Every structure is written in structure tokens, then in C-alpha cells.
């Protein structure tokens, strides 16, 4: 029996105002908080990994969003969208949706 381990080098976030430069601003801001290089600045990377920055960026951005469902549709505000932020390369991922309530 195989067991899949969750990969946590990504984030999912809900943005209220979708402006043209906002995604770039997130990227620059996160890279300033947890720069990828130099790789040896992180103890995690001393284990043979090189993705400590991805874990830190994911911790800041989170890994889930909660959205209400009304009349069978996601109930976003007029400017809201969900975005996926990849911080750890193109590893295989899965999406899990959970419905809670009536």
C-alpha cells in the first residue's frame, strides 16, 4: 500500500483586490522575507534539501481558503479570486475540496 506525503511548498490565497501588479508584489515581498539564496542560510537545507524558503513562504501565505457556497456557487465578493502560489517547483500536487455544513 503506497502512502502519499503532502508537499507543503505552495500556498493558496484569497485576494480581495485583483490588481495587475499584486501578484508581482506578493512574489517580491515573499522573496524579501525568505530569499531562496543563499541556500546554506537555512538549517533545513543542511539535510540535503534546497527548499526551506518554500516552506517559509507557504507558512506566511497559508495552504487553504474558506469560501461560502450560495445556491450551488462559490460566493465570492465582486473582486475576489482564489490563487495558487507555487514556491517549490513543479512537484505533483492534488486539490482537495471539503464541504462543511448543510
N, C-alpha and C. Protein backbone atom coordinates (compact mmCIF):
# COMPACT_ATOMS: atom_id res chain seq x y z
N UNK A 1 0.84 -1.17 0.00
CA UNK A 1 0.00 0.00 0.00
C UNK A 1 0.89 1.24 0.00
N UNK A 2 0.71 2.10 -0.96
CA UNK A 2 1.51 3.32 -1.00
C UNK A 2 0.78 4.44 -0.25
N UNK A 3 1.57 5.30 0.31
CA UNK A 3 1.02 6.41 1.07
C UNK A 3 1.62 7.69 0.51
N UNK A 4 0.80 8.69 0.25
CA UNK A 4 1.35 9.93 -0.28
C UNK A 4 1.61 10.89 0.85
N UNK A 5 2.77 11.54 0.79
CA UNK A 5 3.11 12.57 1.75
C UNK A 5 2.70 13.92 1.19
N UNK A 6 2.10 14.77 2.01
CA UNK A 6 1.76 16.10 1.49
C UNK A 6 3.02 16.92 1.25
N UNK A 7 3.05 17.61 0.15
CA UNK A 7 4.13 18.53 -0.16
C UNK A 7 3.63 19.92 0.20
N UNK A 8 4.39 20.64 1.00
CA UNK A 8 3.85 21.89 1.51
C UNK A 8 4.55 23.13 0.96
N UNK A 9 5.17 23.04 -0.18
CA UNK A 9 5.86 24.18 -0.74
C UNK A 9 4.98 25.02 -1.65
N UNK A 10 3.73 25.20 -1.28
CA UNK A 10 2.83 26.02 -2.07
C UNK A 10 1.89 26.74 -1.13
N UNK A 11 1.20 27.73 -1.64
CA UNK A 11 0.22 28.44 -0.85
C UNK A 11 -1.02 28.72 -1.67
N UNK A 12 -2.13 28.85 -1.01
CA UNK A 12 -3.37 29.21 -1.65
C UNK A 12 -3.89 30.43 -0.93
N UNK A 13 -4.29 31.43 -1.68
CA UNK A 13 -4.72 32.65 -1.01
C UNK A 13 -5.89 33.28 -1.74
N UNK A 14 -6.69 33.96 -0.98
CA UNK A 14 -7.86 34.67 -1.49
C UNK A 14 -7.49 36.15 -1.56
N UNK A 15 -7.63 36.73 -2.73
CA UNK A 15 -7.28 38.13 -2.91
C UNK A 15 -8.55 38.94 -3.09
N UNK A 16 -8.64 40.02 -2.33
CA UNK A 16 -9.82 40.88 -2.44
C UNK A 16 -9.73 41.76 -3.68
N UNK A 17 -8.65 42.49 -3.82
CA UNK A 17 -8.49 43.36 -4.98
C UNK A 17 -7.51 42.73 -5.96
N UNK A 18 -7.97 42.38 -7.13
CA UNK A 18 -7.10 41.80 -8.14
C UNK A 18 -6.60 42.93 -9.03
N UNK A 19 -5.43 43.41 -8.69
CA UNK A 19 -4.81 44.48 -9.47
C UNK A 19 -3.66 43.88 -10.26
N UNK A 20 -3.31 44.51 -11.35
CA UNK A 20 -2.33 43.93 -12.27
C UNK A 20 -0.98 43.64 -11.62
N UNK A 21 -0.53 44.45 -10.70
CA UNK A 21 0.79 44.25 -10.11
C UNK A 21 0.80 43.49 -8.81
N UNK A 22 -0.35 43.08 -8.31
CA UNK A 22 -0.43 42.49 -6.98
C UNK A 22 0.32 41.15 -6.89
N UNK A 23 0.20 40.30 -7.88
CA UNK A 23 0.90 39.01 -7.84
C UNK A 23 2.41 39.22 -7.84
N UNK A 24 2.87 40.18 -8.63
CA UNK A 24 4.30 40.51 -8.63
C UNK A 24 4.71 41.03 -7.26
N UNK A 25 3.88 41.88 -6.67
CA UNK A 25 4.19 42.42 -5.34
C UNK A 25 4.29 41.31 -4.30
N UNK A 26 3.40 40.32 -4.36
CA UNK A 26 3.49 39.17 -3.44
C UNK A 26 4.82 38.44 -3.63
N UNK A 27 5.17 38.19 -4.89
CA UNK A 27 6.41 37.47 -5.19
C UNK A 27 7.63 38.21 -4.64
N UNK A 28 7.70 39.49 -4.87
CA UNK A 28 8.83 40.29 -4.40
C UNK A 28 8.85 40.34 -2.87
N UNK A 29 7.69 40.53 -2.25
CA UNK A 29 7.58 40.62 -0.79
C UNK A 29 8.01 39.30 -0.14
N UNK A 30 7.50 38.17 -0.67
CA UNK A 30 7.86 36.87 -0.11
C UNK A 30 9.34 36.56 -0.28
N UNK A 31 9.89 36.91 -1.43
CA UNK A 31 11.32 36.68 -1.66
C UNK A 31 12.16 37.53 -0.71
N UNK A 32 11.67 38.72 -0.36
CA UNK A 32 12.37 39.54 0.63
C UNK A 32 12.31 38.95 2.03
N UNK A 33 11.18 38.33 2.36
CA UNK A 33 11.03 37.68 3.67
C UNK A 33 11.86 36.41 3.78
N UNK A 34 11.85 35.60 2.74
CA UNK A 34 12.53 34.30 2.75
C UNK A 34 13.20 34.08 1.40
N UNK A 35 14.36 34.71 1.18
CA UNK A 35 15.02 34.57 -0.11
C UNK A 35 15.49 33.13 -0.35
N UNK A 36 15.41 32.70 -1.60
CA UNK A 36 15.84 31.34 -1.94
C UNK A 36 17.35 31.17 -1.72
N UNK A 37 18.12 32.17 -2.09
CA UNK A 37 19.58 32.09 -1.96
C UNK A 37 20.09 33.15 -1.00
N UNK A 38 21.18 32.90 -0.32
CA UNK A 38 22.00 31.69 -0.40
C UNK A 38 21.31 30.51 0.28
N UNK A 39 21.38 29.38 -0.36
CA UNK A 39 20.69 28.18 0.11
C UNK A 39 21.18 27.74 1.49
N UNK A 40 22.47 27.94 1.77
CA UNK A 40 23.03 27.47 3.05
C UNK A 40 22.66 28.35 4.25
N UNK A 41 21.85 29.37 4.05
CA UNK A 41 21.41 30.18 5.19
C UNK A 41 20.38 29.46 6.06
N UNK A 42 19.78 28.40 5.53
CA UNK A 42 18.72 27.68 6.24
C UNK A 42 19.22 26.33 6.75
N UNK A 43 18.95 26.04 8.00
CA UNK A 43 19.34 24.76 8.59
C UNK A 43 18.64 23.60 7.88
N UNK A 44 17.39 23.81 7.48
CA UNK A 44 16.64 22.75 6.78
C UNK A 44 17.41 22.26 5.55
N UNK A 45 18.06 23.16 4.87
CA UNK A 45 18.77 22.79 3.64
C UNK A 45 20.04 21.99 3.92
N UNK A 46 20.46 21.93 5.17
CA UNK A 46 21.64 21.11 5.51
C UNK A 46 21.31 19.62 5.50
N UNK A 47 20.04 19.27 5.32
CA UNK A 47 19.62 17.87 5.27
C UNK A 47 19.68 17.32 3.85
N UNK A 48 20.12 18.14 2.91
CA UNK A 48 20.16 17.72 1.51
C UNK A 48 19.05 18.33 0.68
N UNK A 49 18.14 19.02 1.32
CA UNK A 49 17.06 19.71 0.62
C UNK A 49 17.55 21.11 0.22
N UNK A 50 16.79 21.76 -0.65
CA UNK A 50 17.11 23.15 -1.00
C UNK A 50 15.85 24.00 -1.04
N UNK A 51 14.83 23.60 -0.27
CA UNK A 51 13.53 24.27 -0.37
C UNK A 51 13.03 24.88 0.94
N UNK A 52 13.93 25.21 1.83
CA UNK A 52 13.50 25.81 3.10
C UNK A 52 12.69 27.09 2.86
N UNK A 53 13.12 27.88 1.89
CA UNK A 53 12.39 29.13 1.61
C UNK A 53 10.95 28.84 1.19
N UNK A 54 10.71 27.76 0.46
CA UNK A 54 9.36 27.39 0.03
C UNK A 54 8.48 27.08 1.24
N UNK A 55 9.03 26.39 2.22
CA UNK A 55 8.26 26.09 3.44
C UNK A 55 7.89 27.37 4.19
N UNK A 56 8.83 28.29 4.28
CA UNK A 56 8.58 29.55 4.99
C UNK A 56 7.54 30.40 4.25
N UNK A 57 7.65 30.47 2.94
CA UNK A 57 6.69 31.24 2.13
C UNK A 57 5.29 30.65 2.25
N UNK A 58 5.20 29.34 2.23
CA UNK A 58 3.91 28.68 2.40
C UNK A 58 3.33 28.97 3.78
N UNK A 59 4.18 29.01 4.80
CA UNK A 59 3.72 29.29 6.15
C UNK A 59 3.09 30.69 6.23
N UNK A 60 3.66 31.64 5.53
CA UNK A 60 3.14 33.00 5.51
C UNK A 60 1.83 33.08 4.74
N UNK A 61 1.76 32.42 3.59
CA UNK A 61 0.60 32.53 2.70
C UNK A 61 -0.54 31.59 3.08
N UNK A 62 -0.23 30.51 3.78
CA UNK A 62 -1.26 29.55 4.14
C UNK A 62 -1.45 28.51 3.06
N UNK A 63 -2.26 27.50 3.36
CA UNK A 63 -2.46 26.42 2.40
C UNK A 63 -3.92 26.17 2.09
N UNK A 64 -4.81 26.99 2.63
CA UNK A 64 -6.22 26.77 2.38
C UNK A 64 -6.99 28.07 2.45
N UNK A 65 -8.13 28.06 1.82
CA UNK A 65 -9.05 29.19 1.91
C UNK A 65 -10.43 28.63 2.21
N UNK A 66 -11.24 29.45 2.82
CA UNK A 66 -12.62 29.09 3.11
C UNK A 66 -13.51 30.03 2.33
N UNK A 67 -14.41 29.45 1.54
CA UNK A 67 -15.31 30.24 0.71
C UNK A 67 -16.73 29.71 0.91
N UNK A 68 -17.66 30.59 1.12
CA UNK A 68 -19.06 30.18 1.26
C UNK A 68 -19.61 29.72 -0.09
N UNK A 69 -20.57 28.82 -0.03
CA UNK A 69 -21.29 28.37 -1.23
C UNK A 69 -22.74 28.79 -1.07
N UNK A 70 -23.22 29.54 -2.03
CA UNK A 70 -24.61 30.01 -2.02
C UNK A 70 -25.27 29.59 -3.33
N UNK A 71 -26.41 28.93 -3.23
CA UNK A 71 -27.14 28.49 -4.42
C UNK A 71 -26.28 27.66 -5.37
N UNK A 72 -25.41 26.83 -4.81
CA UNK A 72 -24.58 25.93 -5.61
C UNK A 72 -23.37 26.57 -6.24
N UNK A 73 -23.05 27.82 -5.91
CA UNK A 73 -21.89 28.51 -6.49
C UNK A 73 -21.00 29.06 -5.38
N UNK A 74 -19.70 29.17 -5.69
CA UNK A 74 -18.80 29.83 -4.75
C UNK A 74 -19.22 31.28 -4.61
N UNK A 75 -19.32 31.74 -3.39
CA UNK A 75 -19.83 33.09 -3.12
C UNK A 75 -18.67 34.06 -2.89
N UNK A 76 -18.08 34.50 -3.99
CA UNK A 76 -17.00 35.48 -3.93
C UNK A 76 -17.58 36.88 -3.90
N UNK A 77 -16.82 37.80 -3.31
CA UNK A 77 -17.15 39.20 -3.44
C UNK A 77 -16.85 39.64 -4.87
N UNK A 78 -17.22 40.85 -5.24
CA UNK A 78 -17.06 41.29 -6.63
C UNK A 78 -15.62 41.30 -7.12
N UNK A 79 -14.64 41.39 -6.22
CA UNK A 79 -13.24 41.48 -6.64
C UNK A 79 -12.42 40.29 -6.17
N UNK A 80 -13.04 39.28 -5.60
CA UNK A 80 -12.29 38.17 -5.01
C UNK A 80 -12.03 37.05 -6.00
N UNK A 81 -10.86 36.44 -5.86
CA UNK A 81 -10.47 35.26 -6.62
C UNK A 81 -9.54 34.43 -5.75
N UNK A 82 -9.46 33.14 -6.04
CA UNK A 82 -8.52 32.26 -5.34
C UNK A 82 -7.31 32.07 -6.25
N UNK A 83 -6.13 32.14 -5.65
CA UNK A 83 -4.89 31.96 -6.40
C UNK A 83 -4.03 30.89 -5.75
N UNK A 84 -3.29 30.20 -6.58
CA UNK A 84 -2.36 29.16 -6.15
C UNK A 84 -0.96 29.71 -6.33
N UNK A 85 -0.18 29.69 -5.28
CA UNK A 85 1.20 30.17 -5.36
C UNK A 85 2.16 29.00 -5.23
N UNK A 86 2.97 28.75 -6.24
CA UNK A 86 3.93 27.64 -6.24
C UNK A 86 5.29 28.16 -5.79
N UNK A 87 5.83 27.59 -4.72
CA UNK A 87 7.10 28.05 -4.17
C UNK A 87 8.20 26.99 -4.25
N UNK A 88 7.88 25.79 -4.73
CA UNK A 88 8.82 24.67 -4.64
C UNK A 88 8.92 23.87 -5.93
N UNK A 89 8.83 24.50 -7.05
CA UNK A 89 8.97 23.78 -8.31
C UNK A 89 7.71 23.04 -8.71
N UNK A 90 7.83 22.26 -9.73
CA UNK A 90 6.67 21.61 -10.32
C UNK A 90 6.50 20.19 -9.83
N UNK A 91 6.34 20.03 -8.54
CA UNK A 91 6.06 18.70 -7.99
C UNK A 91 4.58 18.38 -8.18
N UNK A 92 4.27 17.11 -8.19
CA UNK A 92 2.88 16.68 -8.34
C UNK A 92 2.07 17.11 -7.11
N UNK A 93 0.91 17.68 -7.35
CA UNK A 93 0.04 18.16 -6.27
C UNK A 93 -1.36 17.60 -6.46
N UNK A 94 -2.17 17.73 -5.44
CA UNK A 94 -3.58 17.36 -5.55
C UNK A 94 -4.41 18.45 -4.89
N UNK A 95 -5.62 18.59 -5.34
CA UNK A 95 -6.55 19.57 -4.79
C UNK A 95 -7.63 18.81 -4.04
N UNK A 96 -7.92 19.27 -2.84
CA UNK A 96 -8.94 18.64 -2.02
C UNK A 96 -9.98 19.69 -1.68
N UNK A 97 -11.22 19.40 -1.98
CA UNK A 97 -12.31 20.28 -1.62
C UNK A 97 -13.13 19.63 -0.52
N UNK A 98 -13.53 20.41 0.46
CA UNK A 98 -14.31 19.88 1.56
C UNK A 98 -15.53 20.78 1.77
N UNK A 99 -16.67 20.18 1.82
CA UNK A 99 -17.90 20.94 2.06
C UNK A 99 -18.35 20.68 3.49
N UNK A 100 -18.54 21.76 4.23
CA UNK A 100 -18.92 21.66 5.62
C UNK A 100 -20.27 22.36 5.79
N UNK A 101 -21.19 21.74 6.44
CA UNK A 101 -22.48 22.38 6.69
C UNK A 101 -23.62 21.65 6.04
N UNK A 102 -24.70 22.37 5.85
CA UNK A 102 -25.92 21.77 5.32
C UNK A 102 -25.87 21.59 3.83
